Amino acid sequence: MTNDEREIQRKLRALQYAETVGDASCHQEFTHALDDDASDLCTQTSKL
């Protein structure tokens, strides 16, 4: 696993935690903080 993959996994866990506590601001933060692939992950995770 590369450093980039580890960083995406870390941010994805943070996103999942934010959703658990009902923090809808994740989209804004993640869209600005991550590249397109990771932003897509944010979108996909939200739809689960």
N, C-alpha and C. Protein backbone atom coordinates (compact mmCIF):
# COMPACT_ATOMS: atom_id res chain seq x y z
N MET A 1 0.85 -1.20 0.00
CA MET A 1 0.00 0.00 0.00
C MET A 1 0.89 1.25 0.00
N THR A 2 0.62 2.14 -0.91
CA THR A 2 1.42 3.35 -1.00
C THR A 2 0.99 4.37 0.04
N ASN A 3 1.78 5.40 0.21
CA ASN A 3 1.42 6.48 1.14
C ASN A 3 0.10 7.12 0.72
N ASP A 4 -0.10 7.31 -0.58
CA ASP A 4 -1.34 7.90 -1.07
C ASP A 4 -2.54 7.04 -0.70
N GLU A 5 -2.40 5.73 -0.87
CA GLU A 5 -3.49 4.82 -0.52
C GLU A 5 -3.79 4.87 0.97
N ARG A 6 -2.72 4.92 1.78
CA ARG A 6 -2.91 5.01 3.23
C ARG A 6 -3.64 6.30 3.60
N GLU A 7 -3.28 7.39 2.93
CA GLU A 7 -3.92 8.68 3.20
C GLU A 7 -5.39 8.65 2.82
N ILE A 8 -5.71 8.04 1.69
CA ILE A 8 -7.11 7.92 1.27
C ILE A 8 -7.88 7.07 2.27
N GLN A 9 -7.28 5.97 2.72
CA GLN A 9 -7.95 5.11 3.70
C GLN A 9 -8.21 5.88 5.00
N ARG A 10 -7.23 6.67 5.42
CA ARG A 10 -7.38 7.44 6.65
C ARG A 10 -8.52 8.44 6.50
N LYS A 11 -8.56 9.13 5.38
CA LYS A 11 -9.61 10.13 5.16
C LYS A 11 -10.97 9.46 4.99
N LEU A 12 -10.99 8.27 4.40
CA LEU A 12 -12.25 7.56 4.24
C LEU A 12 -12.79 7.14 5.60
N ARG A 13 -11.90 6.70 6.50
CA ARG A 13 -12.34 6.36 7.86
C ARG A 13 -12.88 7.60 8.56
N ALA A 14 -12.22 8.73 8.38
CA ALA A 14 -12.70 9.98 8.97
C ALA A 14 -14.06 10.35 8.40
N LEU A 15 -14.23 10.14 7.11
CA LEU A 15 -15.52 10.41 6.47
C LEU A 15 -16.62 9.52 7.05
N GLN A 16 -16.31 8.24 7.19
CA GLN A 16 -17.31 7.31 7.73
C GLN A 16 -17.68 7.68 9.16
N TYR A 17 -16.69 8.11 9.93
CA TYR A 17 -16.98 8.56 11.29
C TYR A 17 -17.87 9.80 11.26
N ALA A 18 -17.54 10.74 10.38
CA ALA A 18 -18.33 11.97 10.27
C ALA A 18 -19.78 11.64 9.92
N GLU A 19 -19.98 10.68 9.03
CA GLU A 19 -21.34 10.30 8.66
C GLU A 19 -22.05 9.66 9.83
N THR A 20 -21.31 8.88 10.61
CA THR A 20 -21.91 8.21 11.77
C THR A 20 -22.45 9.23 12.76
N VAL A 21 -21.73 10.32 12.96
CA VAL A 21 -22.18 11.34 13.89
C VAL A 21 -23.03 12.41 13.21
N GLY A 22 -23.33 12.19 11.92
CA GLY A 22 -24.24 13.08 11.20
C GLY A 22 -23.63 14.39 10.75
N ASP A 23 -22.33 14.39 10.48
CA ASP A 23 -21.67 15.60 10.02
C ASP A 23 -21.76 15.70 8.49
N ALA A 24 -22.72 16.46 8.01
CA ALA A 24 -22.95 16.55 6.57
C ALA A 24 -21.92 17.44 5.87
N SER A 25 -21.05 18.08 6.62
CA SER A 25 -20.06 18.97 6.00
C SER A 25 -18.91 18.20 5.37
N CYS A 26 -18.90 16.89 5.50
CA CYS A 26 -17.78 16.10 4.97
C CYS A 26 -17.59 16.36 3.48
N HIS A 27 -18.68 16.50 2.74
CA HIS A 27 -18.55 16.66 1.30
C HIS A 27 -17.70 17.87 0.95
N GLN A 28 -17.98 18.97 1.59
CA GLN A 28 -17.23 20.19 1.32
C GLN A 28 -15.75 19.98 1.64
N GLU A 29 -15.47 19.48 2.84
CA GLU A 29 -14.09 19.28 3.25
C GLU A 29 -13.37 18.31 2.33
N PHE A 30 -14.01 17.18 2.07
CA PHE A 30 -13.35 16.14 1.29
C PHE A 30 -13.17 16.55 -0.16
N THR A 31 -14.14 17.26 -0.70
CA THR A 31 -14.01 17.70 -2.09
C THR A 31 -12.81 18.63 -2.25
N HIS A 32 -12.58 19.48 -1.26
CA HIS A 32 -11.44 20.39 -1.34
C HIS A 32 -10.13 19.69 -1.01
N ALA A 33 -10.18 18.74 -0.11
CA ALA A 33 -8.95 18.14 0.41
C ALA A 33 -8.41 17.01 -0.46
N LEU A 34 -9.28 16.35 -1.22
CA LEU A 34 -8.85 15.16 -1.93
C LEU A 34 -8.87 15.34 -3.43
N ASP A 35 -8.18 14.42 -4.12
CA ASP A 35 -8.22 14.44 -5.58
C ASP A 35 -9.55 13.84 -6.06
N ASP A 36 -9.74 13.80 -7.38
CA ASP A 36 -11.02 13.36 -7.94
C ASP A 36 -11.40 11.95 -7.51
N ASP A 37 -10.44 11.02 -7.51
CA ASP A 37 -10.75 9.64 -7.15
C ASP A 37 -11.28 9.56 -5.73
N ALA A 38 -10.63 10.24 -4.82
CA ALA A 38 -11.05 10.18 -3.42
C ALA A 38 -12.38 10.91 -3.23
N SER A 39 -12.60 11.97 -3.98
CA SER A 39 -13.89 12.66 -3.91
C SER A 39 -15.00 11.73 -4.38
N ASP A 40 -14.70 10.91 -5.39
CA ASP A 40 -15.67 9.92 -5.84
C ASP A 40 -15.96 8.94 -4.72
N LEU A 41 -14.93 8.54 -3.98
CA LEU A 41 -15.13 7.65 -2.84
C LEU A 41 -16.08 8.28 -1.83
N CYS A 42 -15.91 9.56 -1.60
CA CYS A 42 -16.78 10.27 -0.66
C CYS A 42 -18.22 10.17 -1.14
N THR A 43 -18.43 10.41 -2.41
CA THR A 43 -19.77 10.36 -2.98
C THR A 43 -20.35 8.96 -2.88
N GLN A 44 -19.56 7.96 -3.23
CA GLN A 44 -20.03 6.58 -3.17
C GLN A 44 -20.36 6.16 -1.75
N THR A 45 -19.52 6.54 -0.81
CA THR A 45 -19.73 6.18 0.58
C THR A 45 -21.02 6.79 1.10
N SER A 46 -21.31 8.01 0.68
CA SER A 46 -22.52 8.69 1.14
C SER A 46 -23.78 7.98 0.69
N LYS A 47 -23.69 7.26 -0.42
CA LYS A 47 -24.86 6.60 -0.98
C LYS A 47 -25.11 5.23 -0.38
N LEU A 48 -24.18 4.73 0.42
CA LEU A 48 -24.34 3.40 1.02
C LEU A 48 -25.52 3.36 1.97
